[in-house]
Every structure is written in C-alpha cells, then in structure tokens.
Amino acid sequence: PGETFIAVLLTKELSYQIRGDFNRNGKRTVFLVNSANQVAQQVSAVRTHSDLKVGEYSNLEVSASWTKEKWNLEFTKHQVLVMTCYVALNVLKNGYLSLSDINLLVFDECHLAILDH
C-alpha cells in the first residue's frame, strides 16, 4: 500500500547512510513487522523499488540461536533488515545491534502497538 511505498522512498532518500561498511560506523534501516507474512511483503516492496540489499528475519526460533558473529555477517551483507518485532527485540536485548546503528526504524501497522501488541 501507499504507506509502504512512502517508507521505501524515505529509505532510498536516506540510503547514503546505509551504503557504507557496517563495521566502519555504517548504519542500517530496520523495518519492524508483526508477522512472517508481512516480512515477505515488505522485503518484496523494498527489493522492487530499490537496489538495496535486504535481509529477512521472521523465525525467532532459528535466529535466537545465532551468534553475534552470525548477526554481524547479516548486518554486513544487508543494508535493510526486515524483521518481526520478536526477532528485533532479541537482537536488541542481546546487544547484536544497537539503536545507534539504525538510521531509520519503520514500524509497519504501528496502530496495532497501542493495544496488547
């Protein structure tokens, strides 16, 4: 929908901040979504409308076992990270990525965040 397209346009506008080497103070853009389905949709939108490298993370069981080194490899390979909220929470809680590493944080369906989400 339109909101996704606007988020992608903003991502592209700020993409000069995420094209650099992650290990040399490069930033990453993070899309937070509610479900694996939405991860796939957002990934598709970003890939369709940009040349950015997009990583997709929807399985908490799989990614929870990843080491800091494995995550660092993902952050090095991908400029845009599309993940479910639970995966993102795990990444932040474990210190694999800090908020200062993120240039743009997009909340998909953010109106859902005011209830039990």
N, C-alpha and C. Protein backbone atom coordinates (compact mmCIF):
# COMPACT_ATOMS: atom_id res chain seq x y z
N PRO A 1 0.82 -1.22 0.00
CA PRO A 1 0.00 0.00 0.00
C PRO A 1 0.85 1.26 0.00
N GLY A 2 0.20 2.39 0.05
CA GLY A 2 0.87 3.68 -0.01
C GLY A 2 1.87 3.92 1.09
N GLU A 3 1.53 3.45 2.32
CA GLU A 3 2.45 3.67 3.44
C GLU A 3 3.78 2.98 3.19
N THR A 4 3.71 1.77 2.65
CA THR A 4 4.93 1.01 2.37
C THR A 4 5.77 1.73 1.33
N PHE A 5 5.12 2.23 0.29
CA PHE A 5 5.84 2.94 -0.76
C PHE A 5 6.54 4.18 -0.20
N ILE A 6 5.85 4.91 0.67
CA ILE A 6 6.44 6.10 1.29
C ILE A 6 7.65 5.72 2.15
N ALA A 7 7.51 4.62 2.89
CA ALA A 7 8.63 4.14 3.72
C ALA A 7 9.83 3.77 2.85
N VAL A 8 9.57 3.15 1.70
CA VAL A 8 10.65 2.77 0.79
C VAL A 8 11.29 4.03 0.20
N LEU A 9 10.48 5.01 -0.16
CA LEU A 9 11.04 6.27 -0.69
C LEU A 9 11.94 6.94 0.35
N LEU A 10 11.50 6.96 1.61
CA LEU A 10 12.30 7.54 2.68
C LEU A 10 13.60 6.75 2.87
N THR A 11 13.49 5.43 2.81
CA THR A 11 14.67 4.56 2.92
C THR A 11 15.67 4.90 1.82
N LYS A 12 15.18 5.08 0.60
CA LYS A 12 16.05 5.42 -0.52
C LYS A 12 16.68 6.80 -0.34
N GLU A 13 15.88 7.76 0.14
CA GLU A 13 16.36 9.12 0.36
C GLU A 13 17.52 9.13 1.35
N LEU A 14 17.44 8.26 2.37
CA LEU A 14 18.48 8.20 3.41
C LEU A 14 19.50 7.09 3.15
N SER A 15 19.44 6.48 1.98
CA SER A 15 20.27 5.29 1.73
C SER A 15 21.77 5.57 1.72
N TYR A 16 22.16 6.83 1.55
CA TYR A 16 23.60 7.15 1.62
C TYR A 16 24.17 6.77 2.99
N GLN A 17 23.31 6.72 4.01
CA GLN A 17 23.76 6.38 5.36
C GLN A 17 23.94 4.88 5.56
N ILE A 18 23.33 4.08 4.68
CA ILE A 18 23.39 2.62 4.87
C ILE A 18 24.21 1.90 3.81
N ARG A 19 24.77 2.65 2.88
CA ARG A 19 25.56 2.02 1.83
C ARG A 19 27.00 1.75 2.27
N GLY A 20 27.38 2.33 3.41
CA GLY A 20 28.74 2.15 3.89
C GLY A 20 28.95 0.82 4.59
N ASP A 21 30.20 0.53 4.89
CA ASP A 21 30.59 -0.69 5.59
C ASP A 21 30.03 -0.65 7.01
N PHE A 22 29.26 -1.67 7.37
CA PHE A 22 28.65 -1.71 8.69
C PHE A 22 29.70 -1.67 9.80
N ASN A 23 30.83 -2.33 9.58
CA ASN A 23 31.86 -2.40 10.60
C ASN A 23 32.70 -1.13 10.70
N ARG A 24 32.40 -0.18 9.85
CA ARG A 24 33.07 1.13 9.91
C ARG A 24 32.02 2.21 10.13
N ASN A 25 31.23 2.05 11.17
CA ASN A 25 30.20 3.02 11.54
C ASN A 25 29.08 3.16 10.52
N GLY A 26 28.87 2.13 9.70
CA GLY A 26 27.75 2.15 8.77
C GLY A 26 26.45 1.94 9.53
N LYS A 27 25.37 2.48 9.01
CA LYS A 27 24.06 2.34 9.65
C LYS A 27 23.23 1.30 8.90
N ARG A 28 22.13 0.91 9.50
CA ARG A 28 21.18 0.01 8.86
C ARG A 28 19.77 0.55 9.05
N THR A 29 18.91 0.27 8.07
CA THR A 29 17.50 0.61 8.16
C THR A 29 16.75 -0.64 8.59
N VAL A 30 15.85 -0.50 9.56
CA VAL A 30 15.11 -1.64 10.08
C VAL A 30 13.61 -1.42 9.89
N PHE A 31 12.96 -2.41 9.27
CA PHE A 31 11.50 -2.44 9.16
C PHE A 31 11.00 -3.44 10.19
N LEU A 32 10.13 -3.00 11.09
CA LEU A 32 9.53 -3.88 12.09
C LEU A 32 8.12 -4.24 11.65
N VAL A 33 7.84 -5.55 11.60
CA VAL A 33 6.52 -6.01 11.18
C VAL A 33 5.99 -7.04 12.17
N ASN A 34 4.70 -7.34 12.06
CA ASN A 34 4.05 -8.23 13.03
C ASN A 34 4.11 -9.71 12.70
N SER A 35 4.26 -10.05 11.42
CA SER A 35 4.18 -11.48 11.06
C SER A 35 5.16 -11.83 9.94
N ALA A 36 5.40 -13.13 9.81
CA ALA A 36 6.28 -13.63 8.74
C ALA A 36 5.73 -13.23 7.37
N ASN A 37 4.41 -13.24 7.25
CA ASN A 37 3.76 -12.82 6.02
C ASN A 37 4.14 -11.40 5.64
N GLN A 38 4.09 -10.52 6.63
CA GLN A 38 4.41 -9.12 6.39
C GLN A 38 5.89 -8.92 6.11
N VAL A 39 6.74 -9.77 6.68
CA VAL A 39 8.17 -9.70 6.37
C VAL A 39 8.34 -9.88 4.87
N ALA A 40 7.73 -10.92 4.33
CA ALA A 40 7.84 -11.22 2.89
C ALA A 40 7.33 -10.06 2.04
N GLN A 41 6.21 -9.47 2.44
CA GLN A 41 5.63 -8.35 1.69
C GLN A 41 6.56 -7.14 1.67
N GLN A 42 7.11 -6.79 2.83
CA GLN A 42 7.99 -5.62 2.93
C GLN A 42 9.29 -5.85 2.15
N VAL A 43 9.83 -7.06 2.27
CA VAL A 43 11.06 -7.39 1.55
C VAL A 43 10.84 -7.22 0.05
N SER A 44 9.73 -7.74 -0.42
CA SER A 44 9.39 -7.64 -1.83
C SER A 44 9.28 -6.18 -2.28
N ALA A 45 8.63 -5.36 -1.47
CA ALA A 45 8.46 -3.94 -1.81
C ALA A 45 9.81 -3.22 -1.89
N VAL A 46 10.67 -3.44 -0.90
CA VAL A 46 11.97 -2.76 -0.89
C VAL A 46 12.82 -3.23 -2.07
N ARG A 47 12.80 -4.53 -2.34
CA ARG A 47 13.59 -5.06 -3.46
C ARG A 47 13.07 -4.57 -4.81
N THR A 48 11.76 -4.42 -4.92
CA THR A 48 11.16 -3.97 -6.18
C THR A 48 11.51 -2.52 -6.48
N HIS A 49 11.51 -1.68 -5.45
CA HIS A 49 11.66 -0.24 -5.66
C HIS A 49 13.03 0.32 -5.33
N SER A 50 14.01 -0.56 -5.04
CA SER A 50 15.36 -0.05 -4.76
C SER A 50 16.41 -1.09 -5.15
N ASP A 51 17.66 -0.65 -5.08
CA ASP A 51 18.77 -1.57 -5.37
C ASP A 51 19.44 -2.01 -4.07
N LEU A 52 18.78 -1.76 -2.95
CA LEU A 52 19.38 -2.07 -1.65
C LEU A 52 19.33 -3.56 -1.36
N LYS A 53 20.28 -4.01 -0.56
CA LYS A 53 20.35 -5.42 -0.17
C LYS A 53 19.50 -5.61 1.08
N VAL A 54 18.53 -6.52 0.98
CA VAL A 54 17.53 -6.68 2.03
C VAL A 54 17.63 -8.04 2.69
N GLY A 55 17.71 -8.04 4.02
CA GLY A 55 17.70 -9.29 4.78
C GLY A 55 16.33 -9.48 5.39
N GLU A 56 15.88 -10.74 5.47
CA GLU A 56 14.56 -11.01 6.05
C GLU A 56 14.67 -11.98 7.21
N TYR A 57 14.02 -11.61 8.31
CA TYR A 57 14.16 -12.37 9.56
C TYR A 57 12.79 -12.49 10.21
N SER A 58 12.21 -13.70 10.14
CA SER A 58 10.88 -13.87 10.69
C SER A 58 10.79 -15.04 11.67
N ASN A 59 11.82 -15.88 11.72
CA ASN A 59 11.74 -17.06 12.56
C ASN A 59 12.58 -16.87 13.83
N LEU A 60 11.90 -16.58 14.93
CA LEU A 60 12.60 -16.33 16.19
C LEU A 60 13.36 -17.57 16.66
N GLU A 61 12.77 -18.75 16.48
CA GLU A 61 13.43 -19.99 16.94
C GLU A 61 14.78 -20.16 16.26
N VAL A 62 14.83 -19.90 14.96
CA VAL A 62 16.09 -20.05 14.21
C VAL A 62 17.07 -18.95 14.61
N SER A 63 16.62 -17.70 14.54
CA SER A 63 17.55 -16.59 14.75
C SER A 63 17.99 -16.45 16.20
N ALA A 64 17.20 -16.98 17.14
CA ALA A 64 17.59 -16.89 18.56
C ALA A 64 18.86 -17.67 18.85
N SER A 65 19.16 -18.66 18.01
CA SER A 65 20.37 -19.46 18.23
C SER A 65 21.61 -18.87 17.54
N TRP A 66 21.41 -17.80 16.79
CA TRP A 66 22.52 -17.19 16.06
C TRP A 66 23.47 -16.47 17.03
N THR A 67 24.75 -16.53 16.69
CA THR A 67 25.77 -15.86 17.49
C THR A 67 25.90 -14.40 17.06
N LYS A 68 26.64 -13.65 17.84
CA LYS A 68 26.92 -12.26 17.49
C LYS A 68 27.63 -12.19 16.14
N GLU A 69 28.52 -13.16 15.89
CA GLU A 69 29.26 -13.20 14.62
C GLU A 69 28.32 -13.44 13.44
N LYS A 70 27.35 -14.33 13.62
CA LYS A 70 26.38 -14.63 12.56
C LYS A 70 25.55 -13.38 12.26
N TRP A 71 25.10 -12.71 13.31
CA TRP A 71 24.32 -11.49 13.11
C TRP A 71 25.16 -10.42 12.43
N ASN A 72 26.42 -10.29 12.86
CA ASN A 72 27.29 -9.29 12.26
C ASN A 72 27.47 -9.52 10.76
N LEU A 73 27.53 -10.80 10.38
CA LEU A 73 27.61 -11.15 8.96
C LEU A 73 26.35 -10.68 8.23
N GLU A 74 25.18 -10.87 8.85
CA GLU A 74 23.91 -10.42 8.26
C GLU A 74 23.91 -8.90 8.11
N PHE A 75 24.37 -8.18 9.13
CA PHE A 75 24.38 -6.72 9.09
C PHE A 75 25.39 -6.21 8.06
N THR A 76 26.44 -6.98 7.83
CA THR A 76 27.44 -6.59 6.84
C THR A 76 26.91 -6.80 5.42
N LYS A 77 26.18 -7.90 5.23
CA LYS A 77 25.65 -8.25 3.90
C LYS A 77 24.44 -7.43 3.48
N HIS A 78 23.61 -7.02 4.44
CA HIS A 78 22.34 -6.37 4.13
C HIS A 78 22.28 -4.95 4.67
N GLN A 79 21.67 -4.08 3.88
CA GLN A 79 21.54 -2.68 4.27
C GLN A 79 20.19 -2.40 4.92
N VAL A 80 19.19 -3.16 4.50
CA VAL A 80 17.84 -3.03 5.06
C VAL A 80 17.50 -4.36 5.72
N LEU A 81 17.02 -4.30 6.95
CA LEU A 81 16.69 -5.50 7.72
C LEU A 81 15.19 -5.48 7.99
N VAL A 82 14.49 -6.48 7.46
CA VAL A 82 13.05 -6.58 7.70
C VAL A 82 12.85 -7.72 8.69
N MET A 83 12.30 -7.40 9.87
CA MET A 83 12.17 -8.43 10.89
C MET A 83 10.90 -8.29 11.70
N THR A 84 10.48 -9.41 12.25
CA THR A 84 9.35 -9.36 13.16
C THR A 84 9.82 -8.68 14.45
N CYS A 85 8.87 -8.16 15.19
CA CYS A 85 9.18 -7.44 16.43
C CYS A 85 9.95 -8.33 17.42
N TYR A 86 9.58 -9.63 17.45
CA TYR A 86 10.23 -10.54 18.40
C TYR A 86 11.69 -10.77 18.05
N VAL A 87 11.98 -10.89 16.76
CA VAL A 87 13.37 -11.04 16.33
C VAL A 87 14.15 -9.77 16.67
N ALA A 88 13.56 -8.62 16.38
CA ALA A 88 14.23 -7.35 16.65
C ALA A 88 14.50 -7.18 18.15
N LEU A 89 13.53 -7.53 18.97
CA LEU A 89 13.69 -7.43 20.42
C LEU A 89 14.86 -8.31 20.88
N ASN A 90 14.94 -9.51 20.35
CA ASN A 90 16.02 -10.44 20.67
C ASN A 90 17.38 -9.86 20.26
N VAL A 91 17.44 -9.28 19.08
CA VAL A 91 18.69 -8.69 18.56
C VAL A 91 19.13 -7.51 19.44
N LEU A 92 18.17 -6.67 19.82
CA LEU A 92 18.49 -5.50 20.65
C LEU A 92 18.86 -5.91 22.07
N LYS A 93 18.08 -6.84 22.65
CA LYS A 93 18.34 -7.27 24.03
C LYS A 93 19.72 -7.89 24.18
N ASN A 94 20.14 -8.63 23.15
CA ASN A 94 21.44 -9.30 23.20
C ASN A 94 22.60 -8.39 22.78
N GLY A 95 22.26 -7.17 22.38
CA GLY A 95 23.31 -6.23 22.02
C GLY A 95 23.97 -6.52 20.68
N TYR A 96 23.31 -7.30 19.82
CA TYR A 96 23.88 -7.59 18.50
C TYR A 96 23.81 -6.36 17.61
N LEU A 97 22.81 -5.54 17.85
CA LEU A 97 22.62 -4.29 17.12
C LEU A 97 22.16 -3.28 18.16
N SER A 98 22.64 -2.05 18.05
CA SER A 98 22.16 -1.04 19.00
C SER A 98 21.37 0.00 18.22
N LEU A 99 20.57 0.76 18.95
CA LEU A 99 19.75 1.78 18.29
C LEU A 99 20.62 2.79 17.54
N SER A 100 21.84 3.01 18.01
CA SER A 100 22.72 3.96 17.33
C SER A 100 23.22 3.42 15.98
N ASP A 101 23.03 2.12 15.71
CA ASP A 101 23.40 1.53 14.42
C ASP A 101 22.28 1.69 13.39
N ILE A 102 21.13 2.20 13.82
CA ILE A 102 19.95 2.27 12.96
C ILE A 102 19.72 3.71 12.52
N ASN A 103 19.63 3.94 11.21
CA ASN A 103 19.38 5.30 10.72
C ASN A 103 17.88 5.57 10.57
N LEU A 104 17.09 4.51 10.38
CA LEU A 104 15.65 4.67 10.20
C LEU A 104 14.98 3.41 10.71
N LEU A 105 13.96 3.60 11.54
CA LEU A 105 13.20 2.48 12.09
C LEU A 105 11.76 2.65 11.63
N VAL A 106 11.30 1.73 10.80
CA VAL A 106 9.95 1.81 10.25
C VAL A 106 9.06 0.81 10.98
N PHE A 107 7.98 1.31 11.56
CA PHE A 107 7.01 0.46 12.24
C PHE A 107 5.85 0.20 11.30
N ASP A 108 5.73 -1.05 10.84
CA ASP A 108 4.61 -1.41 9.98
C ASP A 108 3.38 -1.62 10.87
N GLU A 109 2.22 -1.14 10.41
CA GLU A 109 0.98 -1.32 11.18
C GLU A 109 1.13 -0.79 12.61
N CYS A 110 1.74 0.39 12.75
CA CYS A 110 2.07 0.89 14.09
C CYS A 110 0.83 1.13 14.95
N HIS A 111 -0.33 1.28 14.33
CA HIS A 111 -1.55 1.50 15.13
C HIS A 111 -1.87 0.28 16.00
N LEU A 112 -1.33 -0.88 15.64
CA LEU A 112 -1.57 -2.09 16.44
C LEU A 112 -0.79 -2.06 17.75
N ALA A 113 0.21 -1.19 17.83
CA ALA A 113 1.08 -1.16 19.01
C ALA A 113 0.41 -0.59 20.26
N ILE A 114 -0.77 -0.01 20.11
CA ILE A 114 -1.40 0.62 21.27
C ILE A 114 -2.24 -0.33 22.13
N LEU A 115 -2.45 -1.54 21.64
CA LEU A 115 -3.25 -2.50 22.42
C LEU A 115 -2.34 -3.51 23.10
N ASP A 116 -2.56 -4.79 22.85
CA ASP A 116 -1.81 -5.86 23.52
C ASP A 116 -0.51 -6.24 22.82
N HIS A 117 -0.19 -5.57 21.72
CA HIS A 117 0.99 -5.97 20.96
C HIS A 117 2.25 -5.54 21.69
